C-alpha cells in the first residue's frame, strides 16, 4: 500500500500495444465487401 511499484514505460507501452492489436483484430473481422454491396444494392433498387 505504501511502497507501490511504479509501472515502467515498457509495461505501459506493452499494455497499450495489446489494446491496439485487439482493436485491429476486431476491425479485421468485418468483411471489406459490405460497403460495395450496399452501394450496388442502392444502385439496383434506385
ModelCIF file with pLDDT and N, C-alpha, C, O atoms, coordinates in Angstrom:
data_MODEL
#
_entry.id   MODEL 
#
_entity.id                         1 
_entity.type                       polymer 
_entity.pdbx_number_of_molecules   1 
#
_entity_poly.entity_id                      1 
_entity_poly.type                           'polypeptide(L)' 
_entity_poly.nstd_linkage                   no 
_entity_poly.nstd_monomer                   no 
_entity_poly.pdbx_seq_one_letter_code       
;(UNK)(UNK)(UNK)(UNK)(UNK)(UNK)(UNK)(UNK)(UNK)(UNK)(UNK)(UNK)(UNK)(UNK)(UNK)(UNK)
(UNK)(UNK)(UNK)(UNK)(UNK)(UNK)(UNK)(UNK)(UNK)(UNK)(UNK)(UNK)(UNK)(UNK)(UNK)(UNK)
(UNK)(UNK)(UNK)(UNK)(UNK)(UNK)(UNK)(UNK)(UNK)(UNK)(UNK)(UNK)(UNK)(UNK)
;
_entity_poly.pdbx_seq_one_letter_code_can   XXXXXXXXXXXXXXXXXXXXXXXXXXXXXXXXXXXXXXXXXXXXXX 
_entity_poly.pdbx_strand_id                 A 
#
loop_
_entity_poly_seq.entity_id 
_entity_poly_seq.num 
_entity_poly_seq.mon_id 
_entity_poly_seq.hetero 
1 1  UNK n 
1 2  UNK n 
1 3  UNK n 
1 4  UNK n 
1 5  UNK n 
1 6  UNK n 
1 7  UNK n 
1 8  UNK n 
1 9  UNK n 
1 10 UNK n 
1 11 UNK n 
1 12 UNK n 
1 13 UNK n 
1 14 UNK n 
1 15 UNK n 
1 16 UNK n 
1 17 UNK n 
1 18 UNK n 
1 19 UNK n 
1 20 UNK n 
1 21 UNK n 
1 22 UNK n 
1 23 UNK n 
1 24 UNK n 
1 25 UNK n 
1 26 UNK n 
1 27 UNK n 
1 28 UNK n 
1 29 UNK n 
1 30 UNK n 
1 31 UNK n 
1 32 UNK n 
1 33 UNK n 
1 34 UNK n 
1 35 UNK n 
1 36 UNK n 
1 37 UNK n 
1 38 UNK n 
1 39 UNK n 
1 40 UNK n 
1 41 UNK n 
1 42 UNK n 
1 43 UNK n 
1 44 UNK n 
1 45 UNK n 
1 46 UNK n 
#
_struct_asym.id          A 
_struct_asym.entity_id   1 
#
loop_
_ma_qa_metric.id 
_ma_qa_metric.mode 
_ma_qa_metric.name 
_ma_qa_metric.software_group_id 
_ma_qa_metric.type 
1 global pLDDT . pLDDT 
2 local  pLDDT . pLDDT 
#
_ma_qa_metric_global.metric_id      1 
_ma_qa_metric_global.metric_value   76.63 
_ma_qa_metric_global.model_id       1 
_ma_qa_metric_global.ordinal_id     1 
#
loop_
_ma_qa_metric_local.label_asym_id 
_ma_qa_metric_local.label_comp_id 
_ma_qa_metric_local.label_seq_id 
_ma_qa_metric_local.metric_id 
_ma_qa_metric_local.metric_value 
_ma_qa_metric_local.model_id 
_ma_qa_metric_local.ordinal_id 
A UNK 1  2 64.00 1 1  
A UNK 2  2 67.00 1 2  
A UNK 3  2 68.00 1 3  
A UNK 4  2 65.00 1 4  
A UNK 5  2 65.00 1 5  
A UNK 6  2 65.00 1 6  
A UNK 7  2 65.00 1 7  
A UNK 8  2 75.00 1 8  
A UNK 9  2 80.00 1 9  
A UNK 10 2 79.00 1 10 
A UNK 11 2 80.00 1 11 
A UNK 12 2 80.00 1 12 
A UNK 13 2 83.00 1 13 
A UNK 14 2 84.00 1 14 
A UNK 15 2 84.00 1 15 
A UNK 16 2 85.00 1 16 
A UNK 17 2 86.00 1 17 
A UNK 18 2 86.00 1 18 
A UNK 19 2 85.00 1 19 
A UNK 20 2 84.00 1 20 
A UNK 21 2 83.00 1 21 
A UNK 22 2 79.00 1 22 
A UNK 23 2 75.00 1 23 
A UNK 24 2 76.00 1 24 
A UNK 25 2 73.00 1 25 
A UNK 26 2 66.00 1 26 
A UNK 27 2 64.00 1 27 
A UNK 28 2 64.00 1 28 
A UNK 29 2 63.00 1 29 
A UNK 30 2 59.00 1 30 
A UNK 31 2 68.00 1 31 
A UNK 32 2 73.00 1 32 
A UNK 33 2 77.00 1 33 
A UNK 34 2 75.00 1 34 
A UNK 35 2 78.00 1 35 
A UNK 36 2 84.00 1 36 
A UNK 37 2 80.00 1 37 
A UNK 38 2 79.00 1 38 
A UNK 39 2 82.00 1 39 
A UNK 40 2 87.00 1 40 
A UNK 41 2 84.00 1 41 
A UNK 42 2 82.00 1 42 
A UNK 43 2 87.00 1 43 
A UNK 44 2 88.00 1 44 
A UNK 45 2 85.00 1 45 
A UNK 46 2 84.00 1 46 
#
loop_
_atom_site.group_PDB 
_atom_site.id 
_atom_site.type_symbol 
_atom_site.label_atom_id 
_atom_site.label_alt_id 
_atom_site.label_comp_id 
_atom_site.label_asym_id 
_atom_site.label_entity_id 
_atom_site.label_seq_id 
_atom_site.pdbx_PDB_ins_code 
_atom_site.Cartn_x 
_atom_site.Cartn_y 
_atom_site.Cartn_z 
_atom_site.occupancy 
_atom_site.B_iso_or_equiv 
_atom_site.pdbx_formal_charge 
_atom_site.auth_seq_id 
_atom_site.auth_comp_id 
_atom_site.auth_asym_id 
_atom_site.auth_atom_id 
_atom_site.pdbx_PDB_model_num 
ATOM 1   N N  . UNK A 1 1  ? 0.820   -1.200 0.000   1.00 64.00 ? 1  UNK A N  1 
ATOM 2   C CA . UNK A 1 1  ? 0.000   0.000  0.000   1.00 64.00 ? 1  UNK A CA 1 
ATOM 3   C C  . UNK A 1 1  ? 0.862   1.260  0.000   1.00 64.00 ? 1  UNK A C  1 
ATOM 4   O O  . UNK A 1 1  ? 0.544   2.235  -0.683  1.00 64.00 ? 1  UNK A O  1 
ATOM 5   N N  . UNK A 1 2  ? 1.969   1.238  0.780   1.00 67.00 ? 2  UNK A N  1 
ATOM 6   C CA . UNK A 1 2  ? 2.822   2.414  0.886   1.00 67.00 ? 2  UNK A CA 1 
ATOM 7   C C  . UNK A 1 2  ? 3.965   2.424  -0.114  1.00 67.00 ? 2  UNK A C  1 
ATOM 8   O O  . UNK A 1 2  ? 4.430   3.494  -0.509  1.00 67.00 ? 2  UNK A O  1 
ATOM 9   N N  . UNK A 1 3  ? 4.421   1.262  -0.526  1.00 68.00 ? 3  UNK A N  1 
ATOM 10  C CA . UNK A 1 3  ? 5.567   1.173  -1.423  1.00 68.00 ? 3  UNK A CA 1 
ATOM 11  C C  . UNK A 1 3  ? 5.152   0.499  -2.736  1.00 68.00 ? 3  UNK A C  1 
ATOM 12  O O  . UNK A 1 3  ? 5.624   -0.588 -3.070  1.00 68.00 ? 3  UNK A O  1 
ATOM 13  N N  . UNK A 1 4  ? 4.279   1.158  -3.454  1.00 65.00 ? 4  UNK A N  1 
ATOM 14  C CA . UNK A 1 4  ? 3.810   0.607  -4.719  1.00 65.00 ? 4  UNK A CA 1 
ATOM 15  C C  . UNK A 1 4  ? 4.930   0.673  -5.742  1.00 65.00 ? 4  UNK A C  1 
ATOM 16  O O  . UNK A 1 4  ? 5.710   1.624  -5.788  1.00 65.00 ? 4  UNK A O  1 
ATOM 17  N N  . UNK A 1 5  ? 4.984   -0.375 -6.564  1.00 65.00 ? 5  UNK A N  1 
ATOM 18  C CA . UNK A 1 5  ? 5.949   -0.369 -7.652  1.00 65.00 ? 5  UNK A CA 1 
ATOM 19  C C  . UNK A 1 5  ? 5.415   0.523  -8.759  1.00 65.00 ? 5  UNK A C  1 
ATOM 20  O O  . UNK A 1 5  ? 4.244   0.448  -9.130  1.00 65.00 ? 5  UNK A O  1 
ATOM 21  N N  . UNK A 1 6  ? 6.282   1.355  -9.272  1.00 65.00 ? 6  UNK A N  1 
ATOM 22  C CA . UNK A 1 6  ? 5.877   2.189  -10.387 1.00 65.00 ? 6  UNK A CA 1 
ATOM 23  C C  . UNK A 1 6  ? 5.848   1.341  -11.647 1.00 65.00 ? 6  UNK A C  1 
ATOM 24  O O  . UNK A 1 6  ? 6.715   0.494  -11.860 1.00 65.00 ? 6  UNK A O  1 
ATOM 25  N N  . UNK A 1 7  ? 4.860   1.573  -12.464 1.00 65.00 ? 7  UNK A N  1 
ATOM 26  C CA . UNK A 1 7  ? 4.774   0.850  -13.716 1.00 65.00 ? 7  UNK A CA 1 
ATOM 27  C C  . UNK A 1 7  ? 5.789   1.457  -14.682 1.00 65.00 ? 7  UNK A C  1 
ATOM 28  O O  . UNK A 1 7  ? 5.832   2.672  -14.872 1.00 65.00 ? 7  UNK A O  1 
ATOM 29  N N  . UNK A 1 8  ? 6.589   0.611  -15.276 1.00 75.00 ? 8  UNK A N  1 
ATOM 30  C CA . UNK A 1 8  ? 7.626   1.102  -16.180 1.00 75.00 ? 8  UNK A CA 1 
ATOM 31  C C  . UNK A 1 8  ? 7.009   1.511  -17.502 1.00 75.00 ? 8  UNK A C  1 
ATOM 32  O O  . UNK A 1 8  ? 5.892   1.114  -17.835 1.00 75.00 ? 8  UNK A O  1 
ATOM 33  N N  . UNK A 1 9  ? 7.748   2.303  -18.244 1.00 80.00 ? 9  UNK A N  1 
ATOM 34  C CA . UNK A 1 9  ? 7.230   2.742  -19.537 1.00 80.00 ? 9  UNK A CA 1 
ATOM 35  C C  . UNK A 1 9  ? 7.123   1.564  -20.502 1.00 80.00 ? 9  UNK A C  1 
ATOM 36  O O  . UNK A 1 9  ? 6.270   1.571  -21.389 1.00 80.00 ? 9  UNK A O  1 
ATOM 37  N N  . UNK A 1 10 ? 7.968   0.562  -20.342 1.00 79.00 ? 10 UNK A N  1 
ATOM 38  C CA . UNK A 1 10 ? 7.890   -0.620 -21.206 1.00 79.00 ? 10 UNK A CA 1 
ATOM 39  C C  . UNK A 1 10 ? 6.600   -1.389 -20.968 1.00 79.00 ? 10 UNK A C  1 
ATOM 40  O O  . UNK A 1 10 ? 5.965   -1.839 -21.922 1.00 79.00 ? 10 UNK A O  1 
ATOM 41  N N  . UNK A 1 11 ? 6.206   -1.546 -19.721 1.00 80.00 ? 11 UNK A N  1 
ATOM 42  C CA . UNK A 1 11 ? 4.963   -2.273 -19.454 1.00 80.00 ? 11 UNK A CA 1 
ATOM 43  C C  . UNK A 1 11 ? 3.748   -1.455 -19.880 1.00 80.00 ? 11 UNK A C  1 
ATOM 44  O O  . UNK A 1 11 ? 2.746   -2.016 -20.322 1.00 80.00 ? 11 UNK A O  1 
ATOM 45  N N  . UNK A 1 12 ? 3.833   -0.135 -19.750 1.00 80.00 ? 12 UNK A N  1 
ATOM 46  C CA . UNK A 1 12 ? 2.747   0.721  -20.229 1.00 80.00 ? 12 UNK A CA 1 
ATOM 47  C C  . UNK A 1 12 ? 2.621   0.618  -21.742 1.00 80.00 ? 12 UNK A C  1 
ATOM 48  O O  . UNK A 1 12 ? 1.514   0.517  -22.271 1.00 80.00 ? 12 UNK A O  1 
ATOM 49  N N  . UNK A 1 13 ? 3.743   0.641  -22.432 1.00 83.00 ? 13 UNK A N  1 
ATOM 50  C CA . UNK A 1 13 ? 3.729   0.519  -23.891 1.00 83.00 ? 13 UNK A CA 1 
ATOM 51  C C  . UNK A 1 13 ? 3.194   -0.843 -24.318 1.00 83.00 ? 13 UNK A C  1 
ATOM 52  O O  . UNK A 1 13 ? 2.455   -0.938 -25.299 1.00 83.00 ? 13 UNK A O  1 
ATOM 53  N N  . UNK A 1 14 ? 3.559   -1.899 -23.592 1.00 84.00 ? 14 UNK A N  1 
ATOM 54  C CA . UNK A 1 14 ? 3.073   -3.238 -23.905 1.00 84.00 ? 14 UNK A CA 1 
ATOM 55  C C  . UNK A 1 14 ? 1.558   -3.303 -23.742 1.00 84.00 ? 14 UNK A C  1 
ATOM 56  O O  . UNK A 1 14 ? 0.870   -3.878 -24.586 1.00 84.00 ? 14 UNK A O  1 
ATOM 57  N N  . UNK A 1 15 ? 1.035   -2.722 -22.669 1.00 84.00 ? 15 UNK A N  1 
ATOM 58  C CA . UNK A 1 15 ? -0.406  -2.712 -22.440 1.00 84.00 ? 15 UNK A CA 1 
ATOM 59  C C  . UNK A 1 15 ? -1.137  -1.961 -23.541 1.00 84.00 ? 15 UNK A C  1 
ATOM 60  O O  . UNK A 1 15 ? -2.178  -2.407 -24.021 1.00 84.00 ? 15 UNK A O  1 
ATOM 61  N N  . UNK A 1 16 ? -0.595  -0.836 -23.933 1.00 85.00 ? 16 UNK A N  1 
ATOM 62  C CA . UNK A 1 16 ? -1.222  -0.055 -24.998 1.00 85.00 ? 16 UNK A CA 1 
ATOM 63  C C  . UNK A 1 16 ? -1.178  -0.803 -26.326 1.00 85.00 ? 16 UNK A C  1 
ATOM 64  O O  . UNK A 1 16 ? -2.146  -0.770 -27.087 1.00 85.00 ? 16 UNK A O  1 
ATOM 65  N N  . UNK A 1 17 ? -0.076  -1.469 -26.606 1.00 86.00 ? 17 UNK A N  1 
ATOM 66  C CA . UNK A 1 17 ? 0.053   -2.238 -27.842 1.00 86.00 ? 17 UNK A CA 1 
ATOM 67  C C  . UNK A 1 17 ? -0.941  -3.390 -27.873 1.00 86.00 ? 17 UNK A C  1 
ATOM 68  O O  . UNK A 1 17 ? -1.503  -3.691 -28.926 1.00 86.00 ? 17 UNK A O  1 
ATOM 69  N N  . UNK A 1 18 ? -1.164  -4.035 -26.742 1.00 86.00 ? 18 UNK A N  1 
ATOM 70  C CA . UNK A 1 18 ? -2.142  -5.117 -26.681 1.00 86.00 ? 18 UNK A CA 1 
ATOM 71  C C  . UNK A 1 18 ? -3.550  -4.604 -26.979 1.00 86.00 ? 18 UNK A C  1 
ATOM 72  O O  . UNK A 1 18 ? -4.333  -5.293 -27.632 1.00 86.00 ? 18 UNK A O  1 
ATOM 73  N N  . UNK A 1 19 ? -3.872  -3.420 -26.514 1.00 85.00 ? 19 UNK A N  1 
ATOM 74  C CA . UNK A 1 19 ? -5.181  -2.831 -26.783 1.00 85.00 ? 19 UNK A CA 1 
ATOM 75  C C  . UNK A 1 19 ? -5.325  -2.515 -28.274 1.00 85.00 ? 19 UNK A C  1 
ATOM 76  O O  . UNK A 1 19 ? -6.373  -2.771 -28.867 1.00 85.00 ? 19 UNK A O  1 
ATOM 77  N N  . UNK A 1 20 ? -4.280  -1.962 -28.874 1.00 84.00 ? 20 UNK A N  1 
ATOM 78  C CA . UNK A 1 20 ? -4.310  -1.637 -30.302 1.00 84.00 ? 20 UNK A CA 1 
ATOM 79  C C  . UNK A 1 20 ? -4.464  -2.897 -31.137 1.00 84.00 ? 20 UNK A C  1 
ATOM 80  O O  . UNK A 1 20 ? -5.246  -2.917 -32.088 1.00 84.00 ? 20 UNK A O  1 
ATOM 81  N N  . UNK A 1 21 ? -3.727  -3.949 -30.794 1.00 83.00 ? 21 UNK A N  1 
ATOM 82  C CA . UNK A 1 21 ? -3.807  -5.206 -31.538 1.00 83.00 ? 21 UNK A CA 1 
ATOM 83  C C  . UNK A 1 21 ? -5.202  -5.811 -31.422 1.00 83.00 ? 21 UNK A C  1 
ATOM 84  O O  . UNK A 1 21 ? -5.736  -6.325 -32.405 1.00 83.00 ? 21 UNK A O  1 
ATOM 85  N N  . UNK A 1 22 ? -5.787  -5.756 -30.249 1.00 79.00 ? 22 UNK A N  1 
ATOM 86  C CA . UNK A 1 22 ? -7.141  -6.290 -30.058 1.00 79.00 ? 22 UNK A CA 1 
ATOM 87  C C  . UNK A 1 22 ? -8.146  -5.519 -30.906 1.00 79.00 ? 22 UNK A C  1 
ATOM 88  O O  . UNK A 1 22 ? -9.044  -6.126 -31.490 1.00 79.00 ? 22 UNK A O  1 
ATOM 89  N N  . UNK A 1 23 ? -8.019  -4.208 -30.986 1.00 75.00 ? 23 UNK A N  1 
ATOM 90  C CA . UNK A 1 23 ? -8.930  -3.400 -31.791 1.00 75.00 ? 23 UNK A CA 1 
ATOM 91  C C  . UNK A 1 23 ? -8.771  -3.709 -33.272 1.00 75.00 ? 23 UNK A C  1 
ATOM 92  O O  . UNK A 1 23 ? -9.762  -3.766 -34.000 1.00 75.00 ? 23 UNK A O  1 
ATOM 93  N N  . UNK A 1 24 ? -7.536  -3.911 -33.728 1.00 76.00 ? 24 UNK A N  1 
ATOM 94  C CA . UNK A 1 24 ? -7.298  -4.226 -35.137 1.00 76.00 ? 24 UNK A CA 1 
ATOM 95  C C  . UNK A 1 24 ? -7.850  -5.603 -35.490 1.00 76.00 ? 24 UNK A C  1 
ATOM 96  O O  . UNK A 1 24 ? -8.333  -5.803 -36.605 1.00 76.00 ? 24 UNK A O  1 
ATOM 97  N N  . UNK A 1 25 ? -7.789  -6.539 -34.576 1.00 73.00 ? 25 UNK A N  1 
ATOM 98  C CA . UNK A 1 25 ? -8.354  -7.861 -34.839 1.00 73.00 ? 25 UNK A CA 1 
ATOM 99  C C  . UNK A 1 25 ? -9.858  -7.789 -35.022 1.00 73.00 ? 25 UNK A C  1 
ATOM 100 O O  . UNK A 1 25 ? -10.416 -8.469 -35.882 1.00 73.00 ? 25 UNK A O  1 
ATOM 101 N N  . UNK A 1 26 ? -10.512 -6.972 -34.221 1.00 66.00 ? 26 UNK A N  1 
ATOM 102 C CA . UNK A 1 26 ? -11.962 -6.817 -34.339 1.00 66.00 ? 26 UNK A CA 1 
ATOM 103 C C  . UNK A 1 26 ? -12.304 -6.172 -35.676 1.00 66.00 ? 26 UNK A C  1 
ATOM 104 O O  . UNK A 1 26 ? -13.240 -6.605 -36.349 1.00 66.00 ? 26 UNK A O  1 
ATOM 105 N N  . UNK A 1 27 ? -11.564 -5.149 -36.065 1.00 64.00 ? 27 UNK A N  1 
ATOM 106 C CA . UNK A 1 27 ? -11.826 -4.468 -37.328 1.00 64.00 ? 27 UNK A CA 1 
ATOM 107 C C  . UNK A 1 27 ? -11.498 -5.360 -38.518 1.00 64.00 ? 27 UNK A C  1 
ATOM 108 O O  . UNK A 1 27 ? -12.135 -5.237 -39.564 1.00 64.00 ? 27 UNK A O  1 
ATOM 109 N N  . UNK A 1 28 ? -10.526 -6.249 -38.387 1.00 64.00 ? 28 UNK A N  1 
ATOM 110 C CA . UNK A 1 28 ? -10.147 -7.128 -39.485 1.00 64.00 ? 28 UNK A CA 1 
ATOM 111 C C  . UNK A 1 28 ? -11.209 -8.187 -39.752 1.00 64.00 ? 28 UNK A C  1 
ATOM 112 O O  . UNK A 1 28 ? -11.233 -8.765 -40.838 1.00 64.00 ? 28 UNK A O  1 
ATOM 113 N N  . UNK A 1 29 ? -12.081 -8.453 -38.795 1.00 63.00 ? 29 UNK A N  1 
ATOM 114 C CA . UNK A 1 29 ? -13.101 -9.471 -38.961 1.00 63.00 ? 29 UNK A CA 1 
ATOM 115 C C  . UNK A 1 29 ? -14.296 -8.973 -39.769 1.00 63.00 ? 29 UNK A C  1 
ATOM 116 O O  . UNK A 1 29 ? -15.120 -9.779 -40.202 1.00 63.00 ? 29 UNK A O  1 
ATOM 117 N N  . UNK A 1 30 ? -14.408 -7.672 -39.980 1.00 59.00 ? 30 UNK A N  1 
ATOM 118 C CA . UNK A 1 30 ? -15.510 -7.125 -40.764 1.00 59.00 ? 30 UNK A CA 1 
ATOM 119 C C  . UNK A 1 30 ? -15.160 -7.278 -42.238 1.00 59.00 ? 30 UNK A C  1 
ATOM 120 O O  . UNK A 1 30 ? -14.109 -6.805 -42.671 1.00 59.00 ? 30 UNK A O  1 
ATOM 121 N N  . UNK A 1 31 ? -16.013 -7.923 -43.010 1.00 68.00 ? 31 UNK A N  1 
ATOM 122 C CA . UNK A 1 31 ? -15.710 -8.109 -44.433 1.00 68.00 ? 31 UNK A CA 1 
ATOM 123 C C  . UNK A 1 31 ? -15.608 -6.774 -45.164 1.00 68.00 ? 31 UNK A C  1 
ATOM 124 O O  . UNK A 1 31 ? -16.366 -5.846 -44.882 1.00 68.00 ? 31 UNK A O  1 
ATOM 125 N N  . UNK A 1 32 ? -14.681 -6.683 -46.089 1.00 73.00 ? 32 UNK A N  1 
ATOM 126 C CA . UNK A 1 32 ? -14.473 -5.431 -46.809 1.00 73.00 ? 32 UNK A CA 1 
ATOM 127 C C  . UNK A 1 32 ? -15.455 -5.238 -47.959 1.00 73.00 ? 32 UNK A C  1 
ATOM 128 O O  . UNK A 1 32 ? -15.472 -4.169 -48.570 1.00 73.00 ? 32 UNK A O  1 
ATOM 129 N N  . UNK A 1 33 ? -16.266 -6.234 -48.269 1.00 77.00 ? 33 UNK A N  1 
ATOM 130 C CA . UNK A 1 33 ? -17.203 -6.118 -49.376 1.00 77.00 ? 33 UNK A CA 1 
ATOM 131 C C  . UNK A 1 33 ? -18.531 -5.476 -48.978 1.00 77.00 ? 33 UNK A C  1 
ATOM 132 O O  . UNK A 1 33 ? -19.352 -5.194 -49.850 1.00 77.00 ? 33 UNK A O  1 
ATOM 133 N N  . UNK A 1 34 ? -18.760 -5.241 -47.707 1.00 75.00 ? 34 UNK A N  1 
ATOM 134 C CA . UNK A 1 34 ? -20.045 -4.695 -47.275 1.00 75.00 ? 34 UNK A CA 1 
ATOM 135 C C  . UNK A 1 34 ? -20.345 -3.307 -47.842 1.00 75.00 ? 34 UNK A C  1 
ATOM 136 O O  . UNK A 1 34 ? -21.472 -3.089 -48.286 1.00 75.00 ? 34 UNK A O  1 
ATOM 137 N N  . UNK A 1 35 ? -19.413 -2.363 -47.854 1.00 78.00 ? 35 UNK A N  1 
ATOM 138 C CA . UNK A 1 35 ? -19.729 -1.057 -48.464 1.00 78.00 ? 35 UNK A CA 1 
ATOM 139 C C  . UNK A 1 35 ? -20.046 -1.172 -49.960 1.00 78.00 ? 35 UNK A C  1 
ATOM 140 O O  . UNK A 1 35 ? -20.930 -0.481 -50.465 1.00 78.00 ? 35 UNK A O  1 
ATOM 141 N N  . UNK A 1 36 ? -19.328 -2.038 -50.657 1.00 84.00 ? 36 UNK A N  1 
ATOM 142 C CA . UNK A 1 36 ? -19.592 -2.246 -52.081 1.00 84.00 ? 36 UNK A CA 1 
ATOM 143 C C  . UNK A 1 36 ? -20.962 -2.878 -52.283 1.00 84.00 ? 36 UNK A C  1 
ATOM 144 O O  . UNK A 1 36 ? -21.704 -2.484 -53.183 1.00 84.00 ? 36 UNK A O  1 
ATOM 145 N N  . UNK A 1 37 ? -21.296 -3.846 -51.456 1.00 80.00 ? 37 UNK A N  1 
ATOM 146 C CA . UNK A 1 37 ? -22.600 -4.493 -51.531 1.00 80.00 ? 37 UNK A CA 1 
ATOM 147 C C  . UNK A 1 37 ? -23.720 -3.485 -51.301 1.00 80.00 ? 37 UNK A C  1 
ATOM 148 O O  . UNK A 1 37 ? -24.727 -3.505 -52.009 1.00 80.00 ? 37 UNK A O  1 
ATOM 149 N N  . UNK A 1 38 ? -23.554 -2.618 -50.333 1.00 79.00 ? 38 UNK A N  1 
ATOM 150 C CA . UNK A 1 38 ? -24.572 -1.617 -50.035 1.00 79.00 ? 38 UNK A CA 1 
ATOM 151 C C  . UNK A 1 38 ? -24.732 -0.651 -51.213 1.00 79.00 ? 38 UNK A C  1 
ATOM 152 O O  . UNK A 1 38 ? -25.856 -0.301 -51.573 1.00 79.00 ? 38 UNK A O  1 
ATOM 153 N N  . UNK A 1 39 ? -23.641 -0.227 -51.804 1.00 82.00 ? 39 UNK A N  1 
ATOM 154 C CA . UNK A 1 39 ? -23.703 0.700  -52.932 1.00 82.00 ? 39 UNK A CA 1 
ATOM 155 C C  . UNK A 1 39 ? -24.384 0.053  -54.144 1.00 82.00 ? 39 UNK A C  1 
ATOM 156 O O  . UNK A 1 39 ? -25.192 0.688  -54.822 1.00 82.00 ? 39 UNK A O  1 
ATOM 157 N N  . UNK A 1 40 ? -24.047 -1.224 -54.410 1.00 87.00 ? 40 UNK A N  1 
ATOM 158 C CA . UNK A 1 40 ? -24.649 -1.920 -55.542 1.00 87.00 ? 40 UNK A CA 1 
ATOM 159 C C  . UNK A 1 40 ? -26.144 -2.164 -55.320 1.00 87.00 ? 40 UNK A C  1 
ATOM 160 O O  . UNK A 1 40 ? -26.938 -2.057 -56.255 1.00 87.00 ? 40 UNK A O  1 
ATOM 161 N N  . UNK A 1 41 ? -26.521 -2.490 -54.090 1.00 84.00 ? 41 UNK A N  1 
ATOM 162 C CA . UNK A 1 41 ? -27.943 -2.648 -53.794 1.00 84.00 ? 41 UNK A CA 1 
ATOM 163 C C  . UNK A 1 41 ? -28.701 -1.337 -53.999 1.00 84.00 ? 41 UNK A C  1 
ATOM 164 O O  . UNK A 1 41 ? -29.815 -1.329 -54.522 1.00 84.00 ? 41 UNK A O  1 
ATOM 165 N N  . UNK A 1 42 ? -28.098 -0.254 -53.590 1.00 82.00 ? 42 UNK A N  1 
ATOM 166 C CA . UNK A 1 42 ? -28.720 1.051  -53.765 1.00 82.00 ? 42 UNK A CA 1 
ATOM 167 C C  . UNK A 1 42 ? -28.895 1.357  -55.245 1.00 82.00 ? 42 UNK A C  1 
ATOM 168 O O  . UNK A 1 42 ? -29.934 1.880  -55.648 1.00 82.00 ? 42 UNK A O  1 
ATOM 169 N N  . UNK A 1 43 ? -27.893 1.039  -56.060 1.00 87.00 ? 43 UNK A N  1 
ATOM 170 C CA . UNK A 1 43 ? -27.983 1.285  -57.500 1.00 87.00 ? 43 UNK A CA 1 
ATOM 171 C C  . UNK A 1 43 ? -29.129 0.493  -58.131 1.00 87.00 ? 43 UNK A C  1 
ATOM 172 O O  . UNK A 1 43 ? -29.895 1.022  -58.936 1.00 87.00 ? 43 UNK A O  1 
ATOM 173 N N  . UNK A 1 44 ? -29.233 -0.779 -57.756 1.00 88.00 ? 44 UNK A N  1 
ATOM 174 C CA . UNK A 1 44 ? -30.282 -1.629 -58.336 1.00 88.00 ? 44 UNK A CA 1 
ATOM 175 C C  . UNK A 1 44 ? -31.668 -1.181 -57.864 1.00 88.00 ? 44 UNK A C  1 
ATOM 176 O O  . UNK A 1 44 ? -32.587 -1.058 -58.673 1.00 88.00 ? 44 UNK A O  1 
ATOM 177 N N  . UNK A 1 45 ? -31.817 -0.942 -56.585 1.00 85.00 ? 45 UNK A N  1 
ATOM 178 C CA . UNK A 1 45 ? -33.126 -0.548 -56.058 1.00 85.00 ? 45 UNK A CA 1 
ATOM 179 C C  . UNK A 1 45 ? -33.553 0.831  -56.564 1.00 85.00 ? 45 UNK A C  1 
ATOM 180 O O  . UNK A 1 45 ? -34.745 1.099  -56.709 1.00 85.00 ? 45 UNK A O  1 
ATOM 181 N N  . UNK A 1 46 ? -32.584 1.700  -56.829 1.00 84.00 ? 46 UNK A N  1 
ATOM 182 C CA . UNK A 1 46 ? -32.904 3.043  -57.314 1.00 84.00 ? 46 UNK A CA 1 
ATOM 183 C C  . UNK A 1 46 ? -33.554 3.012  -58.687 1.00 84.00 ? 46 UNK A C  1 
ATOM 184 O O  . UNK A 1 46 ? -33.886 4.062  -59.237 1.00 84.00 ? 46 UNK A O  1 
#
